[in-house]
PDB file of N, CA and C in Angstrom:
ATOM      1  N   UNK A   1     105.603  88.621 104.296  1.00  0.00           N
ATOM      2  CA  UNK A   1     105.147  89.088 103.039  1.00  0.00           C
ATOM      3  C   UNK A   1     104.223  87.946 102.479  1.00  0.00           C
ATOM      4  N   UNK A   2     102.991  88.276 102.178  1.00  0.00           N
ATOM      5  CA  UNK A   2     102.013  87.271 101.610  1.00  0.00           C
ATOM      6  C   UNK A   2     101.390  87.786 100.337  1.00  0.00           C
ATOM      7  N   UNK A   3     101.107  86.906  99.482  1.00  0.00           N
ATOM      8  CA  UNK A   3     100.431  87.239  98.195  1.00  0.00           C
ATOM      9  C   UNK A   3      99.219  86.326  98.080  1.00  0.00           C
ATOM     10  N   UNK A   4      98.058  86.892  97.771  1.00  0.00           N
ATOM     11  CA  UNK A   4      96.854  86.079  97.593  1.00  0.00           C
ATOM     12  C   UNK A   4      96.985  85.122  96.396  1.00  0.00           C
ATOM     13  N   UNK A   5      97.235  85.695  95.322  1.00  0.00           N
ATOM     14  CA  UNK A   5      97.532  84.862  94.140  1.00  0.00           C
ATOM     15  C   UNK A   5      98.987  85.300  93.676  1.00  0.00           C
ATOM     16  N   UNK A   6      99.890  84.452  94.151  1.00  0.00           N
ATOM     17  CA  UNK A   6     101.216  84.809  94.024  1.00  0.00           C
ATOM     18  C   UNK A   6     101.899  84.314  92.680  1.00  0.00           C
ATOM     19  N   UNK A   7     102.409  85.180  91.938  1.00  0.00           N
ATOM     20  CA  UNK A   7     103.254  84.805  90.789  1.00  0.00           C
ATOM     21  C   UNK A   7     104.499  85.620  91.054  1.00  0.00           C
ATOM     22  N   UNK A   8     105.531  84.984  91.569  1.00  0.00           N
ATOM     23  CA  UNK A   8     106.749  85.660  91.977  1.00  0.00           C
ATOM     24  C   UNK A   8     107.800  85.554  90.807  1.00  0.00           C
ATOM     25  N   UNK A   9     108.171  86.667  90.326  1.00  0.00           N
ATOM     26  CA  UNK A   9     109.112  86.663  89.327  1.00  0.00           C
ATOM     27  C   UNK A   9     110.550  86.963  89.909  1.00  0.00           C
ATOM     28  N   UNK A  10     111.433  86.092  89.658  1.00  0.00           N
ATOM     29  CA  UNK A  10     112.826  86.323  90.192  1.00  0.00           C
ATOM     30  C   UNK A  10     113.648  86.416  88.905  1.00  0.00           C
ATOM     31  N   UNK A  11     114.267  87.587  88.736  1.00  0.00           N
ATOM     32  CA  UNK A  11     115.116  87.720  87.572  1.00  0.00           C
ATOM     33  C   UNK A  11     116.540  87.806  88.110  1.00  0.00           C
ATOM     34  N   UNK A  12     117.333  86.854  87.838  1.00  0.00           N
ATOM     35  CA  UNK A  12     118.723  86.823  88.315  1.00  0.00           C
ATOM     36  C   UNK A  12     119.620  87.150  87.127  1.00  0.00           C
ATOM     37  N   UNK A  13     120.379  88.218  87.266  1.00  0.00           N
ATOM     38  CA  UNK A  13     121.357  88.494  86.228  1.00  0.00           C
ATOM     39  C   UNK A  13     122.776  88.257  86.843  1.00  0.00           C
ATOM     40  N   UNK A  14     123.696  88.043  85.952  1.00  0.00           N
ATOM     41  CA  UNK A  14     125.062  87.923  86.419  1.00  0.00           C
ATOM     42  C   UNK A  14     125.495  89.102  87.164  1.00  0.00           C
ATOM     43  N   UNK A  15     126.502  89.032  87.967  1.00  0.00           N
ATOM     44  CA  UNK A  15     127.002  90.072  88.799  1.00  0.00           C
ATOM     45  C   UNK A  15     127.220  91.372  88.112  1.00  0.00           C
ATOM     46  N   UNK A  16     127.649  91.368  86.826  1.00  0.00           N
ATOM     47  CA  UNK A  16     127.948  92.634  86.045  1.00  0.00           C
ATOM     48  C   UNK A  16     126.693  93.519  85.951  1.00  0.00           C
ATOM     49  N   UNK A  17     125.489  92.980  86.040  1.00  0.00           N
ATOM     50  CA  UNK A  17     124.328  93.814  85.853  1.00  0.00           C
ATOM     51  C   UNK A  17     124.110  94.795  87.057  1.00  0.00           C
ATOM     52  N   UNK A  18     124.662  94.444  88.217  1.00  0.00           N
ATOM     53  CA  UNK A  18     124.478  95.256  89.417  1.00  0.00           C
ATOM     54  C   UNK A  18     125.537  96.369  89.540  1.00  0.00           C
ATOM     55  N   UNK A  19     126.489  96.409  88.644  1.00  0.00           N
ATOM     56  CA  UNK A  19     127.558  97.369  88.795  1.00  0.00           C
ATOM     57  C   UNK A  19     127.070  98.765  88.266  1.00  0.00           C
ATOM     58  N   UNK A  20     127.831  99.766  88.632  1.00  0.00           N
ATOM     59  CA  UNK A  20     127.496 101.130  88.158  1.00  0.00           C
ATOM     60  C   UNK A  20     127.656 101.204  86.648  1.00  0.00           C
ATOM     61  N   UNK A  21     126.936 102.097  86.025  1.00  0.00           N
ATOM     62  CA  UNK A  21     127.010 102.221  84.605  1.00  0.00           C
ATOM     63  C   UNK A  21     128.406 102.783  84.211  1.00  0.00           C
ATOM     64  N   UNK A  22     128.972 102.069  83.380  1.00  0.00           N
ATOM     65  CA  UNK A  22     130.344 102.431  82.871  1.00  0.00           C
ATOM     66  C   UNK A  22     130.390 102.237  81.381  1.00  0.00           C
ATOM     67  N   UNK A  23     130.861 103.264  80.683  1.00  0.00           N
ATOM     68  CA  UNK A  23     130.889 103.144  79.190  1.00  0.00           C
ATOM     69  C   UNK A  23     132.057 102.218  78.836  1.00  0.00           C
ATOM     70  N   UNK A  24     131.728 101.138  78.155  1.00  0.00           N
ATOM     71  CA  UNK A  24     132.750 100.120  77.770  1.00  0.00           C
ATOM     72  C   UNK A  24     132.631  99.867  76.314  1.00  0.00           C
ATOM     73  N   UNK A  25     133.717  99.472  75.672  1.00  0.00           N
ATOM     74  CA  UNK A  25     133.627  99.135  74.242  1.00  0.00           C
ATOM     75  C   UNK A  25     132.762  97.913  74.086  1.00  0.00           C
ATOM     76  N   UNK A  26     132.098  97.795  72.949  1.00  0.00           N
ATOM     77  CA  UNK A  26     131.293  96.613  72.636  1.00  0.00           C
ATOM     78  C   UNK A  26     132.128  95.335  72.733  1.00  0.00           C
ATOM     79  N   UNK A  27     131.568  94.417  73.392  1.00  0.00           N
ATOM     80  CA  UNK A  27     132.284  93.125  73.577  1.00  0.00           C
ATOM     81  C   UNK A  27     131.650  92.143  72.610  1.00  0.00           C
ATOM     82  N   UNK A  28     132.456  91.181  72.163  1.00  0.00           N
ATOM     83  CA  UNK A  28     131.949  90.127  71.326  1.00  0.00           C
ATOM     84  C   UNK A  28     131.259  89.007  72.036  1.00  0.00           C
ATOM     85  N   UNK A  29     131.439  88.969  73.421  1.00  0.00           N
ATOM     86  CA  UNK A  29     130.818  87.982  74.220  1.00  0.00           C
ATOM     87  C   UNK A  29     129.488  88.538  74.760  1.00  0.00           C
ATOM     88  N   UNK A  30     128.580  87.656  74.904  1.00  0.00           N
ATOM     89  CA  UNK A  30     127.234  88.077  75.407  1.00  0.00           C
ATOM     90  C   UNK A  30     127.161  87.703  76.835  1.00  0.00           C
ATOM     91  N   UNK A  31     126.381  88.513  77.629  1.00  0.00           N
ATOM     92  CA  UNK A  31     126.266  88.260  79.071  1.00  0.00           C
ATOM     93  C   UNK A  31     125.437  86.993  79.288  1.00  0.00           C
ATOM     94  N   UNK A  32     125.626  86.406  80.399  1.00  0.00           N
ATOM     95  CA  UNK A  32     124.821  85.273  80.810  1.00  0.00           C
ATOM     96  C   UNK A  32     123.584  85.826  81.528  1.00  0.00           C
ATOM     97  N   UNK A  33     122.417  85.516  81.108  1.00  0.00           N
ATOM     98  CA  UNK A  33     121.173  85.930  81.734  1.00  0.00           C
ATOM     99  C   UNK A  33     120.362  84.697  82.065  1.00  0.00           C
ATOM    100  N   UNK A  34     119.980  84.590  83.303  1.00  0.00           N
ATOM    101  CA  UNK A  34     119.128  83.469  83.731  1.00  0.00           C
ATOM    102  C   UNK A  34     117.836  84.027  84.236  1.00  0.00           C
ATOM    103  N   UNK A  35     116.714  83.612  83.687  1.00  0.00           N
ATOM    104  CA  UNK A  35     115.504  84.048  84.126  1.00  0.00           C
ATOM    105  C   UNK A  35     114.787  82.892  84.883  1.00  0.00           C
ATOM    106  N   UNK A  36     114.436  83.094  86.137  1.00  0.00           N
ATOM    107  CA  UNK A  36     113.726  82.033  86.887  1.00  0.00           C
ATOM    108  C   UNK A  36     112.453  82.603  87.290  1.00  0.00           C
ATOM    109  N   UNK A  37     111.339  81.865  86.917  1.00  0.00           N
ATOM    110  CA  UNK A  37     110.037  82.263  87.352  1.00  0.00           C
ATOM    111  C   UNK A  37     109.497  81.160  88.236  1.00  0.00           C
ATOM    112  N   UNK A  38     108.781  81.523  89.303  1.00  0.00           N
ATOM    113  CA  UNK A  38     108.150  80.524  90.192  1.00  0.00           C
ATOM    114  C   UNK A  38     106.664  80.854  90.233  1.00  0.00           C
ATOM    115  N   UNK A  39     105.894  79.890  89.931  1.00  0.00           N
ATOM    116  CA  UNK A  39     104.460  80.019  89.939  1.00  0.00           C
ATOM    117  C   UNK A  39     103.837  79.624  91.248  1.00  0.00           C
ATOM    118  N   UNK A  40     102.974  80.438  91.773  1.00  0.00           N
ATOM    119  CA  UNK A  40     102.176  80.204  92.981  1.00  0.00           C
ATOM    120  C   UNK A  40     103.161  79.801  94.111  1.00  0.00           C
ATOM    121  N   UNK A  41     104.164  80.698  94.373  1.00  0.00           N
ATOM    122  CA  UNK A  41     105.142  80.483  95.390  1.00  0.00           C
ATOM    123  C   UNK A  41     105.016  81.628  96.408  1.00  0.00           C
ATOM    124  N   UNK A  42     105.046  81.325  97.653  1.00  0.00           N
ATOM    125  CA  UNK A  42     104.973  82.323  98.706  1.00  0.00           C
ATOM    126  C   UNK A  42     106.381  82.970  98.912  1.00  0.00           C
ATOM    127  N   UNK A  43     106.422  84.289  98.776  1.00  0.00           N
ATOM    128  CA  UNK A  43     107.639  84.993  99.015  1.00  0.00           C
ATOM    129  C   UNK A  43     108.175  84.809 100.454  1.00  0.00           C
ATOM    130  N   UNK A  44     107.289  84.616 101.407  1.00  0.00           N
ATOM    131  CA  UNK A  44     107.687  84.525 102.826  1.00  0.00           C
ATOM    132  C   UNK A  44     108.360  83.169 103.116  1.00  0.00           C
ATOM    133  N   UNK A  45     108.476  82.297 102.117  1.00  0.00           N
ATOM    134  CA  UNK A  45     109.143  81.005 102.251  1.00  0.00           C
ATOM    135  C   UNK A  45     110.584  81.067 101.648  1.00  0.00           C
ATOM    136  N   UNK A  46     110.938  82.133 101.050  1.00  0.00           N
ATOM    137  CA  UNK A  46     112.267  82.279 100.357  1.00  0.00           C
ATOM    138  C   UNK A  46     113.278  82.936 101.330  1.00  0.00           C
ATOM    139  N   UNK A  47     114.381  82.263 101.574  1.00  0.00           N
ATOM    140  CA  UNK A  47     115.441  82.763 102.433  1.00  0.00           C
ATOM    141  C   UNK A  47     115.943  84.174 101.994  1.00  0.00           C
ATOM    142  N   UNK A  48     116.127  84.288 100.713  1.00  0.00           N
ATOM    143  CA  UNK A  48     116.732  85.530 100.139  1.00  0.00           C
ATOM    144  C   UNK A  48     115.733  86.675 100.291  1.00  0.00           C
ATOM    145  N   UNK A  49     114.493  86.384 100.579  1.00  0.00           N
ATOM    146  CA  UNK A  49     113.467  87.492 100.813  1.00  0.00           C
ATOM    147  C   UNK A  49     113.111  87.598 102.257  1.00  0.00           C
ATOM    148  N   UNK A  50     113.952  86.951 103.163  1.00  0.00           N
ATOM    149  CA  UNK A  50     113.763  87.168 104.587  1.00  0.00           C
ATOM    150  C   UNK A  50     113.332  86.003 105.403  1.00  0.00           C
ATOM    151  N   UNK A  51     112.925  84.866 104.808  1.00  0.00           N
ATOM    152  CA  UNK A  51     112.519  83.700 105.614  1.00  0.00           C
ATOM    153  C   UNK A  51     113.686  83.125 106.338  1.00  0.00           C
ATOM    154  N   UNK A  52     113.475  82.711 107.538  1.00  0.00           N
ATOM    155  CA  UNK A  52     114.560  82.064 108.334  1.00  0.00           C
ATOM    156  C   UNK A  52     114.346  80.488 108.388  1.00  0.00           C
ATOM    157  N   UNK A  53     113.478  79.986 107.590  1.00  0.00           N
ATOM    158  CA  UNK A  53     113.142  78.543 107.546  1.00  0.00           C
ATOM    159  C   UNK A  53     114.131  77.649 106.860  1.00  0.00           C
ATOM    160  N   UNK A  54     115.048  78.206 106.047  1.00  0.00           N
ATOM    161  CA  UNK A  54     116.073  77.473 105.312  1.00  0.00           C
ATOM    162  C   UNK A  54     115.433  76.527 104.326  1.00  0.00           C
ATOM    163  N   UNK A  55     114.380  76.924 103.656  1.00  0.00           N
ATOM    164  CA  UNK A  55     113.670  76.115 102.724  1.00  0.00           C
ATOM    165  C   UNK A  55     114.237  76.179 101.335  1.00  0.00           C
ATOM    166  N   UNK A  56     115.006  77.221 101.010  1.00  0.00           N
ATOM    167  CA  UNK A  56     115.475  77.450  99.642  1.00  0.00           C
ATOM    168  C   UNK A  56     116.952  77.754  99.569  1.00  0.00           C
ATOM    169  N   UNK A  57     117.781  76.835 100.038  1.00  0.00           N
ATOM    170  CA  UNK A  57     119.237  77.075 100.156  1.00  0.00           C
ATOM    171  C   UNK A  57     119.877  77.307  98.815  1.00  0.00           C
ATOM    172  N   UNK A  58     119.498  76.648  97.730  1.00  0.00           N
ATOM    173  CA  UNK A  58     120.106  76.828  96.440  1.00  0.00           C
ATOM    174  C   UNK A  58     119.701  78.180  95.883  1.00  0.00           C
ATOM    175  N   UNK A  59     118.452  78.630  95.964  1.00  0.00           N
ATOM    176  CA  UNK A  59     118.033  79.866  95.440  1.00  0.00           C
ATOM    177  C   UNK A  59     118.688  81.041  96.298  1.00  0.00           C
ATOM    178  N   UNK A  60     118.829  80.762  97.664  1.00  0.00           N
ATOM    179  CA  UNK A  60     119.522  81.781  98.450  1.00  0.00           C
ATOM    180  C   UNK A  60     120.931  81.957  98.042  1.00  0.00           C
ATOM    181  N   UNK A  61     121.618  80.896  97.740  1.00  0.00           N
ATOM    182  CA  UNK A  61     123.067  81.014  97.349  1.00  0.00           C
ATOM    183  C   UNK A  61     123.162  81.756  95.926  1.00  0.00           C
ATOM    184  N   UNK A  62     122.261  81.460  95.041  1.00  0.00           N
ATOM    185  CA  UNK A  62     122.246  82.054  93.741  1.00  0.00           C
ATOM    186  C   UNK A  62     121.937  83.526  93.920  1.00  0.00           C
ATOM    187  N   UNK A  63     120.992  83.891  94.774  1.00  0.00           N
ATOM    188  CA  UNK A  63     120.642  85.267  94.970  1.00  0.00           C
ATOM    189  C   UNK A  63     121.723  86.091  95.524  1.00  0.00           C
ATOM    190  N   UNK A  64     122.602  85.510  96.289  1.00  0.00           N
ATOM    191  CA  UNK A  64     123.736  86.282  96.887  1.00  0.00           C
ATOM    192  C   UNK A  64     124.717  86.774  95.776  1.00  0.00           C
ATOM    193  N   UNK A  65     124.694  86.088  94.649  1.00  0.00           N
ATOM    194  CA  UNK A  65     125.605  86.367  93.533  1.00  0.00           C
ATOM    195  C   UNK A  65     124.853  87.087  92.395  1.00  0.00           C
ATOM    196  N   UNK A  66     123.639  87.554  92.640  1.00  0.00           N
ATOM    197  CA  UNK A  66     122.722  88.039  91.553  1.00  0.00           C
ATOM    198  C   UNK A  66     122.089  89.284  91.843  1.00  0.00           C
ATOM    199  N   UNK A  67     121.323  89.820  90.885  1.00  0.00           N
ATOM    200  CA  UNK A  67     120.438  90.943  91.110  1.00  0.00           C
ATOM    201  C   UNK A  67     119.062  90.315  91.300  1.00  0.00           C
ATOM    202  N   UNK A  68     118.366  90.664  92.388  1.00  0.00           N
ATOM    203  CA  UNK A  68     117.008  90.099  92.609  1.00  0.00           C
ATOM    204  C   UNK A  68     116.012  91.271  92.618  1.00  0.00           C
ATOM    205  N   UNK A  69     114.987  91.016  91.772  1.00  0.00           N
ATOM    206  CA  UNK A  69     113.853  91.947  91.783  1.00  0.00           C
ATOM    207  C   UNK A  69     112.729  91.339  92.570  1.00  0.00           C
ATOM    208  N   UNK A  70     112.508  91.833  93.749  1.00  0.00           N
ATOM    209  CA  UNK A  70     111.569  91.298  94.680  1.00  0.00           C
ATOM    210  C   UNK A  70     110.207  91.870  94.579  1.00  0.00           C
ATOM    211  N   UNK A  71     110.003  92.899  93.797  1.00  0.00           N
ATOM    212  CA  UNK A  71     108.658  93.530  93.630  1.00  0.00           C
ATOM    213  C   UNK A  71     108.277  93.479  92.146  1.00  0.00           C
ATOM    214  N   UNK A  72     108.049  92.259  91.634  1.00  0.00           N
ATOM    215  CA  UNK A  72     107.553  92.059  90.276  1.00  0.00           C
ATOM    216  C   UNK A  72     106.098  91.623  90.394  1.00  0.00           C
ATOM    217  N   UNK A  73     105.246  92.187  89.547  1.00  0.00           N
ATOM    218  CA  UNK A  73     103.858  91.885  89.651  1.00  0.00           C
ATOM    219  C   UNK A  73     103.379  91.326  88.236  1.00  0.00           C
ATOM    220  N   UNK A  74     102.442  90.385  88.308  1.00  0.00           N
ATOM    221  CA  UNK A  74     101.897  89.820  87.126  1.00  0.00           C
ATOM    222  C   UNK A  74     100.798  90.719  86.599  1.00  0.00           C
ATOM    223  N   UNK A  75     100.705  90.844  85.259  1.00  0.00           N
ATOM    224  CA  UNK A  75      99.688  91.596  84.627  1.00  0.00           C
ATOM    225  C   UNK A  75      98.359  90.805  84.527  1.00  0.00           C
ATOM    226  N   UNK A  76      98.528  89.496  84.626  1.00  0.00           N
ATOM    227  CA  UNK A  76      97.316  88.609  84.586  1.00  0.00           C
ATOM    228  C   UNK A  76      97.632  87.433  85.493  1.00  0.00           C
ATOM    229  N   UNK A  77      96.655  86.836  86.192  1.00  0.00           N
ATOM    230  CA  UNK A  77      96.884  85.796  87.161  1.00  0.00           C
ATOM    231  C   UNK A  77      96.957  84.368  86.531  1.00  0.00           C
ATOM    232  N   UNK A  78      97.459  84.253  85.323  1.00  0.00           N
ATOM    233  CA  UNK A  78      97.641  82.988  84.652  1.00  0.00           C
ATOM    234  C   UNK A  78      99.083  82.886  84.204  1.00  0.00           C
ATOM    235  N   UNK A  79      99.672  81.655  84.314  1.00  0.00           N
ATOM    236  CA  UNK A  79     101.071  81.545  84.003  1.00  0.00           C
ATOM    237  C   UNK A  79     101.410  81.836  82.576  1.00  0.00           C
ATOM    238  N   UNK A  80     100.746  81.244  81.584  1.00  0.00           N
ATOM    239  CA  UNK A  80     101.123  81.402  80.221  1.00  0.00           C
ATOM    240  C   UNK A  80     101.045  82.852  79.746  1.00  0.00           C
ATOM    241  N   UNK A  81      99.956  83.544  80.004  1.00  0.00           N
ATOM    242  CA  UNK A  81      99.917  84.979  79.630  1.00  0.00           C
ATOM    243  C   UNK A  81     100.916  85.836  80.405  1.00  0.00           C
ATOM    244  N   UNK A  82     101.218  85.488  81.632  1.00  0.00           N
ATOM    245  CA  UNK A  82     102.227  86.173  82.453  1.00  0.00           C
ATOM    246  C   UNK A  82     103.656  86.037  81.776  1.00  0.00           C
ATOM    247  N   UNK A  83     103.951  84.827  81.319  1.00  0.00           N
ATOM    248  CA  UNK A  83     105.205  84.673  80.696  1.00  0.00           C
ATOM    249  C   UNK A  83     105.284  85.404  79.371  1.00  0.00           C
ATOM    250  N   UNK A  84     104.174  85.427  78.638  1.00  0.00           N
ATOM    251  CA  UNK A  84     104.088  86.202  77.397  1.00  0.00           C
ATOM    252  C   UNK A  84     104.406  87.681  77.690  1.00  0.00           C
ATOM    253  N   UNK A  85     103.901  88.166  78.813  1.00  0.00           N
ATOM    254  CA  UNK A  85     104.145  89.585  79.233  1.00  0.00           C
ATOM    255  C   UNK A  85     105.646  89.781  79.543  1.00  0.00           C
ATOM    256  N   UNK A  86     106.255  88.849  80.253  1.00  0.00           N
ATOM    257  CA  UNK A  86     107.623  88.945  80.585  1.00  0.00           C
ATOM    258  C   UNK A  86     108.523  88.929  79.377  1.00  0.00           C
ATOM    259  N   UNK A  87     108.251  88.051  78.414  1.00  0.00           N
ATOM    260  CA  UNK A  87     109.100  87.818  77.318  1.00  0.00           C
ATOM    261  C   UNK A  87     108.884  88.850  76.152  1.00  0.00           C
ATOM    262  N   UNK A  88     107.736  89.530  76.157  1.00  0.00           N
ATOM    263  CA  UNK A  88     107.431  90.422  75.085  1.00  0.00           C
ATOM    264  C   UNK A  88     107.374  91.894  75.562  1.00  0.00           C
ATOM    265  N   UNK A  89     107.123  92.108  76.832  1.00  0.00           N
ATOM    266  CA  UNK A  89     106.953  93.432  77.422  1.00  0.00           C
ATOM    267  C   UNK A  89     105.623  94.010  76.946  1.00  0.00           C
ATOM    268  N   UNK A  90     104.693  93.170  76.592  1.00  0.00           N
ATOM    269  CA  UNK A  90     103.384  93.665  76.144  1.00  0.00           C
ATOM    270  C   UNK A  90     102.349  93.231  77.161  1.00  0.00           C
ATOM    271  N   UNK A  91     101.258  93.939  77.191  1.00  0.00           N
ATOM    272  CA  UNK A  91     100.088  93.636  78.065  1.00  0.00           C
ATOM    273  C   UNK A  91      99.276  92.566  77.440  1.00  0.00           C
ATOM    274  N   UNK A  92      98.474  91.793  78.223  1.00  0.00           N
ATOM    275  CA  UNK A  92      97.711  90.676  77.675  1.00  0.00           C
ATOM    276  C   UNK A  92      96.709  91.166  76.609  1.00  0.00           C
ATOM    277  N   UNK A  93      96.147  92.378  76.758  1.00  0.00           N
ATOM    278  CA  UNK A  93      95.159  92.852  75.753  1.00  0.00           C
ATOM    279  C   UNK A  93      95.888  93.174  74.441  1.00  0.00           C
ATOM    280  N   UNK A  94      97.229  93.210  74.379  1.00  0.00           N
ATOM    281  CA  UNK A  94      97.956  93.468  73.157  1.00  0.00           C
ATOM    282  C   UNK A  94      98.454  92.192  72.593  1.00  0.00           C
ATOM    283  N   UNK A  95      99.068  91.318  73.433  1.00  0.00           N
ATOM    284  CA  UNK A  95      99.642  90.066  72.904  1.00  0.00           C
ATOM    285  C   UNK A  95      98.622  88.980  72.679  1.00  0.00           C
ATOM    286  N   UNK A  96      97.488  89.093  73.262  1.00  0.00           N
ATOM    287  CA  UNK A  96      96.278  88.175  73.039  1.00  0.00           C
ATOM    288  C   UNK A  96      96.580  86.756  73.275  1.00  0.00           C
ATOM    289  N   UNK A  97      97.562  86.487  74.130  1.00  0.00           N
ATOM    290  CA  UNK A  97      97.801  85.090  74.483  1.00  0.00           C
ATOM    291  C   UNK A  97      97.027  84.776  75.730  1.00  0.00           C
ATOM    292  N   UNK A  98      96.222  83.722  75.608  1.00  0.00           N
ATOM    293  CA  UNK A  98      95.371  83.296  76.798  1.00  0.00           C
ATOM    294  C   UNK A  98      95.580  81.912  77.274  1.00  0.00           C
ATOM    295  N   UNK A  99      95.992  80.988  76.455  1.00  0.00           N
ATOM    296  CA  UNK A  99      96.094  79.578  76.815  1.00  0.00           C
ATOM    297  C   UNK A  99      97.457  79.006  76.551  1.00  0.00           C
ATOM    298  N   UNK A 100      97.767  77.945  77.349  1.00  0.00           N
ATOM    299  CA  UNK A 100      99.003  77.208  77.150  1.00  0.00           C
ATOM    300  C   UNK A 100      99.020  76.549  75.761  1.00  0.00           C
ATOM    301  N   UNK A 101     100.117  76.600  75.089  1.00  0.00           N
ATOM    302  CA  UNK A 101     100.205  76.064  73.781  1.00  0.00           C
ATOM    303  C   UNK A 101      99.935  76.977  72.602  1.00  0.00           C
ATOM    304  N   UNK A 102      99.335  78.094  72.987  1.00  0.00           N
ATOM    305  CA  UNK A 102      98.991  79.096  71.992  1.00  0.00           C
ATOM    306  C   UNK A 102     100.254  79.886  71.574  1.00  0.00           C
ATOM    307  N   UNK A 103     100.590  79.994  70.278  1.00  0.00           N
ATOM    308  CA  UNK A 103     101.819  80.690  69.875  1.00  0.00           C
ATOM    309  C   UNK A 103     101.764  82.220  70.007  1.00  0.00           C
ATOM    310  N   UNK A 104     102.865  82.795  70.171  1.00  0.00           N
ATOM    311  CA  UNK A 104     102.979  84.238  70.153  1.00  0.00           C
ATOM    312  C   UNK A 104     102.954  84.693  68.720  1.00  0.00           C
ATOM    313  N   UNK A 105     102.362  85.861  68.519  1.00  0.00           N
ATOM    314  CA  UNK A 105     102.363  86.448  67.172  1.00  0.00           C
ATOM    315  C   UNK A 105     103.769  86.765  66.752  1.00  0.00           C
ATOM    316  N   UNK A 106     104.157  86.534  65.497  1.00  0.00           N
ATOM    317  CA  UNK A 106     105.531  86.750  65.065  1.00  0.00           C
ATOM    318  C   UNK A 106     105.976  88.171  65.072  1.00  0.00           C
ATOM    319  N   UNK A 107     105.079  89.165  65.055  1.00  0.00           N
ATOM    320  CA  UNK A 107     105.481  90.568  65.067  1.00  0.00           C
ATOM    321  C   UNK A 107     105.672  91.144  66.445  1.00  0.00           C
ATOM    322  N   UNK A 108     105.579  90.361  67.479  1.00  0.00           N
ATOM    323  CA  UNK A 108     105.800  90.804  68.852  1.00  0.00           C
ATOM    324  C   UNK A 108     107.280  90.856  69.136  1.00  0.00           C
ATOM    325  N   UNK A 109     107.733  91.864  69.927  1.00  0.00           N
ATOM    326  CA  UNK A 109     109.147  91.819  70.279  1.00  0.00           C
ATOM    327  C   UNK A 109     109.338  90.622  71.258  1.00  0.00           C
ATOM    328  N   UNK A 110     110.472  89.921  71.210  1.00  0.00           N
ATOM    329  CA  UNK A 110     110.701  88.726  71.948  1.00  0.00           C
ATOM    330  C   UNK A 110     112.009  88.859  72.651  1.00  0.00           C
ATOM    331  N   UNK A 111     112.080  88.843  73.916  1.00  0.00           N
ATOM    332  CA  UNK A 111     113.302  89.025  74.709  1.00  0.00           C
ATOM    333  C   UNK A 111     114.475  88.216  74.336  1.00  0.00           C
ATOM    334  N   UNK A 112     114.392  86.908  74.166  1.00  0.00           N
ATOM    335  CA  UNK A 112     115.506  86.146  73.650  1.00  0.00           C
ATOM    336  C   UNK A 112     116.103  86.649  72.360  1.00  0.00           C
ATOM    337  N   UNK A 113     115.234  87.091  71.446  1.00  0.00           N
ATOM    338  CA  UNK A 113     115.730  87.610  70.155  1.00  0.00           C
ATOM    339  C   UNK A 113     116.464  88.943  70.350  1.00  0.00           C
ATOM    340  N   UNK A 114     115.923  89.781  71.231  1.00  0.00           N
ATOM    341  CA  UNK A 114     116.481  91.086  71.493  1.00  0.00           C
ATOM    342  C   UNK A 114     117.838  90.933  72.165  1.00  0.00           C
ATOM    343  N   UNK A 115     117.954  90.002  73.125  1.00  0.00           N
ATOM    344  CA  UNK A 115     119.247  89.837  73.778  1.00  0.00           C
ATOM    345  C   UNK A 115     120.258  89.210  72.839  1.00  0.00           C
TER     346      UNK A 115
END
């Protein structure tokens, strides 16, 4: 698997996220969510995505206990606007974030606040 301009998004959720949907009472505890993004990384070097080179043992171990989204695509080939897309769920033409250090508009939905 090769990507010309690779922005590989790996979203690892705790094991509970992969279970079947079950109606449960609201819990007072919040789930642990870890978002790992890798910029300009080749998917064919990741063991959990099929590589046999053993270059990513820690990510491979984490992936075994997680939910892995292996087909995530960037809406823009730049890191900062891509992260804005991930964290707000908005397209670059809506969030207007272009450069590192530029703040997000306060009226945008923001994933950490939603969680």
